[in-house]
Protein backbone atom coordinates (compact mmCIF):
# COMPACT_ATOMS: atom_id res chain seq x y z
CA MET A 1 0.00 0.00 0.00
CA ALA A 2 1.40 3.37 -1.02
CA ILE A 3 -0.77 5.46 1.32
CA LYS A 4 1.07 6.67 4.42
CA ILE A 5 -0.84 5.98 7.63
CA PRO A 6 -1.54 9.25 9.48
CA ASN A 7 -0.16 9.42 13.04
CA ARG A 8 -3.63 9.71 14.58
CA VAL A 9 -4.72 6.52 12.80
CA LEU A 10 -1.57 4.66 13.83
CA GLU A 11 -2.11 5.77 17.43
CA ALA A 12 -5.66 4.40 17.29
CA VAL A 13 -4.46 1.10 15.83
CA ILE A 14 -1.85 0.72 18.59
CA LEU A 15 -4.33 1.63 21.32
CA SER A 16 -6.89 -0.75 19.84
CA VAL A 17 -4.43 -3.65 19.94
CA LEU A 18 -3.43 -2.77 23.51
CA GLN A 19 -7.10 -2.71 24.46
CA GLU A 20 -7.07 -6.49 23.96
CA GLU A 21 -3.99 -7.14 26.12
CA PRO A 22 -0.72 -5.58 27.28
CA LEU A 23 2.09 -6.35 24.83
CA TYR A 24 5.80 -5.67 24.45
CA GLY A 25 6.88 -3.58 21.47
CA TYR A 26 8.01 -6.36 19.12
CA ALA A 27 4.85 -8.44 19.67
CA LEU A 28 2.69 -5.34 19.19
CA THR A 29 4.47 -4.49 15.95
CA LYS A 30 4.10 -8.03 14.60
CA LYS A 31 0.40 -8.08 15.45
CA ILE A 32 -0.14 -4.83 13.55
CA GLN A 33 1.98 -6.06 10.64
CA SER A 34 -0.33 -9.03 10.24
CA GLU A 35 -2.94 -6.58 8.92
CA VAL A 36 -1.16 -3.33 8.01
CA PRO A 37 2.19 -2.97 6.22
CA ILE A 38 4.39 -0.95 8.60
CA SER A 39 8.13 -1.11 9.23
CA ASP A 40 9.57 -2.69 12.37
CA SER A 41 10.62 0.68 13.75
CA THR A 42 7.33 2.51 13.16
CA THR A 43 5.60 1.77 16.46
CA TYR A 44 8.35 2.73 18.92
CA PRO A 45 8.26 6.53 18.49
CA VAL A 46 4.47 6.41 18.71
CA LEU A 47 4.62 4.28 21.87
CA ARG A 48 7.04 6.75 23.49
CA ARG A 49 4.68 9.62 22.64
CA LEU A 50 1.62 7.72 23.93
CA GLU A 51 3.47 6.99 27.17
CA LYS A 52 4.55 10.63 27.54
CA GLU A 53 0.91 11.71 27.05
CA GLY A 54 -0.30 9.22 29.69
CA LEU A 55 -2.28 7.13 27.20
CA VAL A 56 -0.27 3.98 27.96
CA THR A 57 1.73 2.83 30.93
CA THR A 58 4.71 0.51 30.91
CA SER A 59 6.02 -2.30 33.03
CA SER A 60 9.12 -4.42 32.63
CA LYS A 61 9.27 -8.19 32.81
CA VAL A 62 12.21 -10.54 32.47
CA PHE A 63 11.89 -13.16 29.75
CA ALA A 64 14.75 -15.51 28.84
CA GLU A 65 17.26 -13.28 30.64
CA ARG A 66 16.07 -10.21 28.70
CA ILE A 67 13.87 -7.38 29.89
CA ARG A 68 10.71 -6.74 27.91
CA LYS A 69 8.86 -3.45 28.22
CA TYR A 70 5.12 -4.08 28.18
CA TYR A 71 2.63 -1.39 27.19
CA GLU A 72 -0.86 -1.19 28.65
CA LEU A 73 -3.78 1.08 27.84
CA THR A 74 -4.77 3.66 30.48
CA ASP A 75 -8.24 5.12 31.06
CA ALA A 76 -7.08 8.25 29.21
CA GLY A 77 -5.88 6.00 26.40
CA GLN A 78 -9.29 4.35 26.23
CA LEU A 79 -10.95 7.77 25.89
CA HIS A 80 -8.42 8.82 23.26
CA LEU A 81 -9.18 5.62 21.32
CA LYS A 82 -12.93 6.33 21.36
CA GLU A 83 -12.33 9.87 20.09
CA ALA A 84 -9.95 8.64 17.38
CA CYS A 85 -12.48 6.03 16.24
CA ALA A 86 -15.18 8.69 15.96
CA ASP A 87 -12.78 10.92 14.00
CA TRP A 88 -11.94 7.98 11.73
CA LEU A 89 -15.59 7.30 10.93
CA THR A 90 -16.12 10.94 9.99
CA PHE A 91 -12.96 10.97 7.87
CA GLU A 92 -13.95 7.71 6.18
CA GLU A 93 -17.35 9.12 5.25
CA GLN A 94 -15.78 12.27 3.85
CA ILE A 95 -13.26 10.40 1.71
CA ASN A 96 -15.86 7.86 0.54
CA SER A 97 -18.03 10.72 -0.66
CA PHE A 98 -15.29 11.38 -3.24
CA LEU A 99 -13.87 7.94 -3.88
CA GLY A 100 -16.90 5.76 -3.31
CA GLU A 101 -17.01 2.72 -1.10
CA GLY A 102 -15.40 0.32 -3.47
């Protein structure tokens, strides 16, 4: 796909995945990549920003002698996700009015 994913949409995708369960960065990236073509390094800057904004929290766990940083959705993150989903639906309708639905 040649269309660049807007930051707000990528944030919503990340928050949506984290709504299901806390994940470490690599697992989160792979889960997103199963549906959306993004590079391996795409999610990390967004995760840092989401953490800075209080939309996710982090915890560290040791796995096979390595430390994994797990990300978990906060209440503020849940609200942000709802708002982003509403914005997406509006945007989708606007674009479909020009391009059609298929």
